[in-house]
C-alpha cells in the first residue's frame, strides 16, 4: 500500500481556489464562495431562532415520551 501525505491546509485552500478560478473564472468563483457561506449562516440563524422559541420540557416530552407535537397554526 502506498503512503499518502496530506497537503498543508494553506496549500490545499490555494489549490482549490486556483482550480475554481480556472474552471469558473474569478467572478463566478467569488459568487460561489459567497453563496456557500451565506446559506450556512442562514441555516445557523434559522436553527438559533428555532432554539430560542423552543420550550425545552415540551420538546423533551415529545421526543422521549412520544407526545404529539402541536399542529402549526396558519399565519
PDB file of N, CA and C in Angstrom:
ATOM      1  N   UNK A   1       0.832  -1.166   0.000  1.00  0.00           N
ATOM      2  CA  UNK A   1       0.000   0.000   0.000  1.00  0.00           C
ATOM      3  C   UNK A   1       0.889   1.247   0.000  1.00  0.00           C
ATOM      4  N   UNK A   2       0.456   2.259  -0.723  1.00  0.00           N
ATOM      5  CA  UNK A   2       1.227   3.483  -0.843  1.00  0.00           C
ATOM      6  C   UNK A   2       0.870   4.464   0.271  1.00  0.00           C
ATOM      7  N   UNK A   3       1.858   5.111   0.839  1.00  0.00           N
ATOM      8  CA  UNK A   3       1.617   6.096   1.894  1.00  0.00           C
ATOM      9  C   UNK A   3       1.149   7.400   1.271  1.00  0.00           C
ATOM     10  N   UNK A   4       0.168   8.031   1.909  1.00  0.00           N
ATOM     11  CA  UNK A   4      -0.367   9.288   1.393  1.00  0.00           C
ATOM     12  C   UNK A   4       0.040  10.428   2.316  1.00  0.00           C
ATOM     13  N   UNK A   5       0.517  11.515   1.739  1.00  0.00           N
ATOM     14  CA  UNK A   5       0.877  12.700   2.508  1.00  0.00           C
ATOM     15  C   UNK A   5      -0.178  13.773   2.241  1.00  0.00           C
ATOM     16  N   UNK A   6      -0.745  14.302   3.310  1.00  0.00           N
ATOM     17  CA  UNK A   6      -1.754  15.348   3.174  1.00  0.00           C
ATOM     18  C   UNK A   6      -1.099  16.697   2.947  1.00  0.00           C
ATOM     19  N   UNK A   7      -1.764  17.542   2.167  1.00  0.00           N
ATOM     20  CA  UNK A   7      -1.277  18.895   1.934  1.00  0.00           C
ATOM     21  C   UNK A   7      -1.484  19.734   3.190  1.00  0.00           C
ATOM     22  N   UNK A   8      -0.645  20.729   3.348  1.00  0.00           N
ATOM     23  CA  UNK A   8      -0.883  21.704   4.403  1.00  0.00           C
ATOM     24  C   UNK A   8      -2.187  22.431   4.060  1.00  0.00           C
ATOM     25  N   UNK A   9      -2.918  22.844   5.061  1.00  0.00           N
ATOM     26  CA  UNK A   9      -4.227  23.459   4.832  1.00  0.00           C
ATOM     27  C   UNK A   9      -4.138  24.679   3.918  1.00  0.00           C
ATOM     28  N   UNK A  10      -3.132  25.531   4.113  1.00  0.00           N
ATOM     29  CA  UNK A  10      -2.982  26.732   3.275  1.00  0.00           C
ATOM     30  C   UNK A  10      -2.827  26.367   1.802  1.00  0.00           C
ATOM     31  N   UNK A  11      -1.997  25.361   1.552  1.00  0.00           N
ATOM     32  CA  UNK A  11      -1.764  24.941   0.167  1.00  0.00           C
ATOM     33  C   UNK A  11      -3.019  24.310  -0.431  1.00  0.00           C
ATOM     34  N   UNK A  12      -3.723  23.532   0.355  1.00  0.00           N
ATOM     35  CA  UNK A  12      -4.951  22.899  -0.127  1.00  0.00           C
ATOM     36  C   UNK A  12      -5.985  23.957  -0.518  1.00  0.00           C
ATOM     37  N   UNK A  13      -6.167  24.956   0.328  1.00  0.00           N
ATOM     38  CA  UNK A  13      -7.126  26.028   0.043  1.00  0.00           C
ATOM     39  C   UNK A  13      -6.700  26.776  -1.217  1.00  0.00           C
ATOM     40  N   UNK A  14      -5.426  27.096  -1.324  1.00  0.00           N
ATOM     41  CA  UNK A  14      -4.944  27.828  -2.504  1.00  0.00           C
ATOM     42  C   UNK A  14      -5.166  27.028  -3.782  1.00  0.00           C
ATOM     43  N   UNK A  15      -4.875  25.746  -3.751  1.00  0.00           N
ATOM     44  CA  UNK A  15      -5.087  24.898  -4.936  1.00  0.00           C
ATOM     45  C   UNK A  15      -6.575  24.817  -5.301  1.00  0.00           C
ATOM     46  N   UNK A  16      -7.413  24.716  -4.293  1.00  0.00           N
ATOM     47  CA  UNK A  16      -8.852  24.643  -4.552  1.00  0.00           C
ATOM     48  C   UNK A  16      -9.346  25.936  -5.182  1.00  0.00           C
ATOM     49  N   UNK A  17      -8.905  27.071  -4.664  1.00  0.00           N
ATOM     50  CA  UNK A  17      -9.324  28.358  -5.226  1.00  0.00           C
ATOM     51  C   UNK A  17      -8.787  28.511  -6.642  1.00  0.00           C
ATOM     52  N   UNK A  18      -7.541  28.124  -6.861  1.00  0.00           N
ATOM     53  CA  UNK A  18      -6.973  28.181  -8.218  1.00  0.00           C
ATOM     54  C   UNK A  18      -7.773  27.318  -9.190  1.00  0.00           C
ATOM     55  N   UNK A  19      -8.169  26.130  -8.752  1.00  0.00           N
ATOM     56  CA  UNK A  19      -8.955  25.241  -9.620  1.00  0.00           C
ATOM     57  C   UNK A  19     -10.322  25.853  -9.920  1.00  0.00           C
ATOM     58  N   UNK A  20     -10.949  26.456  -8.911  1.00  0.00           N
ATOM     59  CA  UNK A  20     -12.241  27.115  -9.143  1.00  0.00           C
ATOM     60  C   UNK A  20     -12.105  28.276 -10.114  1.00  0.00           C
ATOM     61  N   UNK A  21     -11.083  29.083  -9.932  1.00  0.00           N
ATOM     62  CA  UNK A  21     -10.874  30.226 -10.828  1.00  0.00           C
ATOM     63  C   UNK A  21     -10.643  29.749 -12.249  1.00  0.00           C
ATOM     64  N   UNK A  22      -9.863  28.692 -12.404  1.00  0.00           N
ATOM     65  CA  UNK A  22      -9.594  28.173 -13.742  1.00  0.00           C
ATOM     66  C   UNK A  22     -10.875  27.617 -14.375  1.00  0.00           C
ATOM     67  N   UNK A  23     -11.703  26.951 -13.582  1.00  0.00           N
ATOM     68  CA  UNK A  23     -12.916  26.336 -14.121  1.00  0.00           C
ATOM     69  C   UNK A  23     -14.059  27.338 -14.290  1.00  0.00           C
ATOM     70  N   UNK A  24     -14.196  28.282 -13.356  1.00  0.00           N
ATOM     71  CA  UNK A  24     -15.356  29.175 -13.355  1.00  0.00           C
ATOM     72  C   UNK A  24     -15.041  30.623 -13.687  1.00  0.00           C
ATOM     73  N   UNK A  25     -13.800  31.011 -13.519  1.00  0.00           N
ATOM     74  CA  UNK A  25     -13.431  32.412 -13.662  1.00  0.00           C
ATOM     75  C   UNK A  25     -13.525  33.097 -12.303  1.00  0.00           C
ATOM     76  N   UNK A  26     -12.912  34.270 -12.186  1.00  0.00           N
ATOM     77  CA  UNK A  26     -12.846  34.922 -10.878  1.00  0.00           C
ATOM     78  C   UNK A  26     -14.197  35.396 -10.348  1.00  0.00           C
ATOM     79  N   UNK A  27     -15.066  35.872 -11.203  1.00  0.00           N
ATOM     80  CA  UNK A  27     -16.367  36.388 -10.747  1.00  0.00           C
ATOM     81  C   UNK A  27     -17.238  35.252 -10.216  1.00  0.00           C
ATOM     82  N   UNK A  28     -17.368  34.187 -10.999  1.00  0.00           N
ATOM     83  CA  UNK A  28     -18.206  33.070 -10.572  1.00  0.00           C
ATOM     84  C   UNK A  28     -17.603  32.343  -9.360  1.00  0.00           C
ATOM     85  N   UNK A  29     -16.276  32.310  -9.257  1.00  0.00           N
ATOM     86  CA  UNK A  29     -15.642  31.717  -8.077  1.00  0.00           C
ATOM     87  C   UNK A  29     -16.014  32.499  -6.834  1.00  0.00           C
ATOM     88  N   UNK A  30     -15.912  33.813  -6.913  1.00  0.00           N
ATOM     89  CA  UNK A  30     -16.283  34.664  -5.781  1.00  0.00           C
ATOM     90  C   UNK A  30     -17.755  34.477  -5.441  1.00  0.00           C
ATOM     91  N   UNK A  31     -18.588  34.448  -6.450  1.00  0.00           N
ATOM     92  CA  UNK A  31     -20.017  34.243  -6.242  1.00  0.00           C
ATOM     93  C   UNK A  31     -20.293  32.896  -5.567  1.00  0.00           C
ATOM     94  N   UNK A  32     -19.629  31.844  -6.021  1.00  0.00           N
ATOM     95  CA  UNK A  32     -19.792  30.516  -5.439  1.00  0.00           C
ATOM     96  C   UNK A  32     -19.379  30.499  -3.969  1.00  0.00           C
ATOM     97  N   UNK A  33     -18.217  31.052  -3.672  1.00  0.00           N
ATOM     98  CA  UNK A  33     -17.736  31.057  -2.291  1.00  0.00           C
ATOM     99  C   UNK A  33     -18.647  31.873  -1.380  1.00  0.00           C
ATOM    100  N   UNK A  34     -19.201  32.946  -1.882  1.00  0.00           N
ATOM    101  CA  UNK A  34     -20.114  33.775  -1.099  1.00  0.00           C
ATOM    102  C   UNK A  34     -21.437  33.055  -0.863  1.00  0.00           C
ATOM    103  N   UNK A  35     -21.954  32.375  -1.865  1.00  0.00           N
ATOM    104  CA  UNK A  35     -23.210  31.644  -1.715  1.00  0.00           C
ATOM    105  C   UNK A  35     -23.090  30.568  -0.649  1.00  0.00           C
ATOM    106  N   UNK A  36     -21.980  29.854  -0.639  1.00  0.00           N
ATOM    107  CA  UNK A  36     -21.800  28.787   0.341  1.00  0.00           C
ATOM    108  C   UNK A  36     -21.851  29.315   1.756  1.00  0.00           C
ATOM    109  N   UNK A  37     -21.193  30.412   2.010  1.00  0.00           N
ATOM    110  CA  UNK A  37     -21.181  30.981   3.356  1.00  0.00           C
ATOM    111  C   UNK A  37     -22.545  31.518   3.739  1.00  0.00           C
ATOM    112  N   UNK A  38     -23.187  32.212   2.829  1.00  0.00           N
ATOM    113  CA  UNK A  38     -24.471  32.823   3.131  1.00  0.00           C
ATOM    114  C   UNK A  38     -25.489  31.753   3.508  1.00  0.00           C
ATOM    115  N   UNK A  39     -25.547  30.670   2.794  1.00  0.00           N
ATOM    116  CA  UNK A  39     -26.506  29.609   3.108  1.00  0.00           C
ATOM    117  C   UNK A  39     -26.216  28.982   4.455  1.00  0.00           C
ATOM    118  N   UNK A  40     -24.953  28.796   4.779  1.00  0.00           N
ATOM    119  CA  UNK A  40     -24.597  28.208   6.064  1.00  0.00           C
ATOM    120  C   UNK A  40     -25.018  29.143   7.193  1.00  0.00           C
ATOM    121  N   UNK A  41     -24.739  30.418   7.066  1.00  0.00           N
ATOM    122  CA  UNK A  41     -25.130  31.377   8.093  1.00  0.00           C
ATOM    123  C   UNK A  41     -26.642  31.405   8.220  1.00  0.00           C
ATOM    124  N   UNK A  42     -27.350  31.377   7.094  1.00  0.00           N
ATOM    125  CA  UNK A  42     -28.807  31.395   7.148  1.00  0.00           C
ATOM    126  C   UNK A  42     -29.342  30.189   7.894  1.00  0.00           C
ATOM    127  N   UNK A  43     -28.782  29.017   7.655  1.00  0.00           N
ATOM    128  CA  UNK A  43     -29.279  27.828   8.342  1.00  0.00           C
ATOM    129  C   UNK A  43     -28.942  27.881   9.829  1.00  0.00           C
ATOM    130  N   UNK A  44     -27.790  28.428  10.166  1.00  0.00           N
ATOM    131  CA  UNK A  44     -27.424  28.570  11.579  1.00  0.00           C
ATOM    132  C   UNK A  44     -28.372  29.551  12.255  1.00  0.00           C
ATOM    133  N   UNK A  45     -28.640  30.665  11.601  1.00  0.00           N
ATOM    134  CA  UNK A  45     -29.554  31.658  12.185  1.00  0.00           C
ATOM    135  C   UNK A  45     -30.957  31.069  12.333  1.00  0.00           C
ATOM    136  N   UNK A  46     -31.410  30.316  11.334  1.00  0.00           N
ATOM    137  CA  UNK A  46     -32.731  29.688  11.400  1.00  0.00           C
ATOM    138  C   UNK A  46     -32.782  28.717  12.575  1.00  0.00           C
ATOM    139  N   UNK A  47     -31.726  27.954  12.761  1.00  0.00           N
ATOM    140  CA  UNK A  47     -31.675  26.998  13.866  1.00  0.00           C
ATOM    141  C   UNK A  47     -31.670  27.723  15.209  1.00  0.00           C
ATOM    142  N   UNK A  48     -30.926  28.807  15.322  1.00  0.00           N
ATOM    143  CA  UNK A  48     -30.897  29.566  16.573  1.00  0.00           C
ATOM    144  C   UNK A  48     -32.257  30.173  16.893  1.00  0.00           C
ATOM    145  N   UNK A  49     -32.947  30.677  15.871  1.00  0.00           N
ATOM    146  CA  UNK A  49     -34.302  31.213  16.101  1.00  0.00           C
ATOM    147  C   UNK A  49     -35.230  30.103  16.584  1.00  0.00           C
ATOM    148  N   UNK A  50     -35.110  28.904  15.984  1.00  0.00           N
ATOM    149  CA  UNK A  50     -35.924  27.773  16.412  1.00  0.00           C
ATOM    150  C   UNK A  50     -35.620  27.426  17.865  1.00  0.00           C
ATOM    151  N   UNK A  51     -34.338  27.392  18.217  1.00  0.00           N
ATOM    152  CA  UNK A  51     -33.963  27.071  19.591  1.00  0.00           C
ATOM    153  C   UNK A  51     -34.483  28.116  20.574  1.00  0.00           C
ATOM    154  N   UNK A  52     -34.436  29.393  20.183  1.00  0.00           N
ATOM    155  CA  UNK A  52     -34.924  30.459  21.062  1.00  0.00           C
ATOM    156  C   UNK A  52     -36.409  30.321  21.347  1.00  0.00           C
ATOM    157  N   UNK A  53     -37.162  29.812  20.385  1.00  0.00           N
ATOM    158  CA  UNK A  53     -38.608  29.689  20.567  1.00  0.00           C
ATOM    159  C   UNK A  53     -39.015  28.347  21.177  1.00  0.00           C
ATOM    160  N   UNK A  54     -38.045  27.499  21.446  1.00  0.00           N
ATOM    161  CA  UNK A  54     -38.303  26.142  21.894  1.00  0.00           C
ATOM    162  C   UNK A  54     -38.630  26.077  23.387  1.00  0.00           C
ATOM    163  N   UNK A  55     -39.660  25.339  23.707  1.00  0.00           N
ATOM    164  CA  UNK A  55     -39.968  25.012  25.103  1.00  0.00           C
ATOM    165  C   UNK A  55     -39.287  23.675  25.370  1.00  0.00           C
ATOM    166  N   UNK A  56     -38.181  23.716  26.114  1.00  0.00           N
ATOM    167  CA  UNK A  56     -37.330  22.537  26.293  1.00  0.00           C
ATOM    168  C   UNK A  56     -38.108  21.353  26.877  1.00  0.00           C
ATOM    169  N   UNK A  57     -38.883  21.590  27.935  1.00  0.00           N
ATOM    170  CA  UNK A  57     -39.603  20.484  28.575  1.00  0.00           C
ATOM    171  C   UNK A  57     -40.624  19.859  27.623  1.00  0.00           C
ATOM    172  N   UNK A  58     -41.334  20.686  26.895  1.00  0.00           N
ATOM    173  CA  UNK A  58     -42.334  20.177  25.931  1.00  0.00           C
ATOM    174  C   UNK A  58     -41.628  19.381  24.824  1.00  0.00           C
ATOM    175  N   UNK A  59     -40.515  19.910  24.343  1.00  0.00           N
ATOM    176  CA  UNK A  59     -39.755  19.229  23.299  1.00  0.00           C
ATOM    177  C   UNK A  59     -39.278  17.854  23.775  1.00  0.00           C
ATOM    178  N   UNK A  60     -38.710  17.795  24.982  1.00  0.00           N
ATOM    179  CA  UNK A  60     -38.252  16.517  25.518  1.00  0.00           C
ATOM    180  C   UNK A  60     -39.404  15.534  25.690  1.00  0.00           C
ATOM    181  N   UNK A  61     -40.567  16.036  26.136  1.00  0.00           N
ATOM    182  CA  UNK A  61     -41.736  15.165  26.256  1.00  0.00           C
ATOM    183  C   UNK A  61     -42.124  14.587  24.897  1.00  0.00           C
ATOM    184  N   UNK A  62     -42.062  15.420  23.866  1.00  0.00           N
ATOM    185  CA  UNK A  62     -42.410  14.951  22.525  1.00  0.00           C
ATOM    186  C   UNK A  62     -41.416  13.910  22.040  1.00  0.00           C
ATOM    187  N   UNK A  63     -40.154  14.137  22.300  1.00  0.00           N
ATOM    188  CA  UNK A  63     -39.119  13.226  21.803  1.00  0.00           C
ATOM    189  C   UNK A  63     -39.075  11.931  22.606  1.00  0.00           C
ATOM    190  N   UNK A  64     -39.040  12.056  23.937  1.00  0.00           N
ATOM    191  CA  UNK A  64     -38.784  10.887  24.769  1.00  0.00           C
ATOM    192  C   UNK A  64     -40.043  10.189  25.277  1.00  0.00           C
ATOM    193  N   UNK A  65     -41.169  10.897  25.323  1.00  0.00           N
ATOM    194  CA  UNK A  65     -42.402  10.269  25.789  1.00  0.00           C
ATOM    195  C   UNK A  65     -43.385  10.007  24.656  1.00  0.00           C
ATOM    196  N   UNK A  66     -43.037  10.439  23.459  1.00  0.00           N
ATOM    197  CA  UNK A  66     -43.862  10.159  22.295  1.00  0.00           C
ATOM    198  C   UNK A  66     -45.116  11.002  22.194  1.00  0.00           C
ATOM    199  N   UNK A  67     -45.151  12.141  22.863  1.00  0.00           N
ATOM    200  CA  UNK A  67     -46.318  13.018  22.739  1.00  0.00           C
ATOM    201  C   UNK A  67     -46.373  13.602  21.334  1.00  0.00           C
ATOM    202  N   UNK A  68     -47.573  13.921  20.913  1.00  0.00           N
ATOM    203  CA  UNK A  68     -47.765  14.512  19.590  1.00  0.00           C
ATOM    204  C   UNK A  68     -47.322  15.968  19.607  1.00  0.00           C
ATOM    205  N   UNK A  69     -46.593  16.402  18.578  1.00  0.00           N
ATOM    206  CA  UNK A  69     -46.231  17.819  18.506  1.00  0.00           C
ATOM    207  C   UNK A  69     -47.472  18.651  18.171  1.00  0.00           C
ATOM    208  N   UNK A  70     -47.482  19.916  18.561  1.00  0.00           N
ATOM    209  CA  UNK A  70     -48.620  20.764  18.235  1.00  0.00           C
ATOM    210  C   UNK A  70     -48.684  20.985  16.730  1.00  0.00           C
ATOM    211  N   UNK A  71     -49.897  21.136  16.226  1.00  0.00           N
ATOM    212  CA  UNK A  71     -50.056  21.404  14.798  1.00  0.00           C
ATOM    213  C   UNK A  71     -49.762  22.876  14.554  1.00  0.00           C
ATOM    214  N   UNK A  72     -49.026  23.189  13.473  1.00  0.00           N
ATOM    215  CA  UNK A  72     -48.691  24.585  13.194  1.00  0.00           C
ATOM    216  C   UNK A  72     -49.952  25.370  12.881  1.00  0.00           C
ATOM    217  N   UNK A  73     -50.031  26.585  13.419  1.00  0.00           N
ATOM    218  CA  UNK A  73     -51.183  27.437  13.138  1.00  0.00           C
ATOM    219  C   UNK A  73     -50.965  28.139  11.805  1.00  0.00           C
ATOM    220  N   UNK A  74     -52.035  28.353  11.109  1.00  0.00           N
ATOM    221  CA  UNK A  74     -51.952  29.027   9.818  1.00  0.00           C
ATOM    222  C   UNK A  74     -51.800  30.516  10.065  1.00  0.00           C
ATOM    223  N   UNK A  75     -50.695  31.081   9.568  1.00  0.00           N
ATOM    224  CA  UNK A  75     -50.460  32.528   9.759  1.00  0.00           C
ATOM    225  C   UNK A  75     -50.484  33.229   8.445  1.00  0.00           C
TER     226      UNK A  75
END
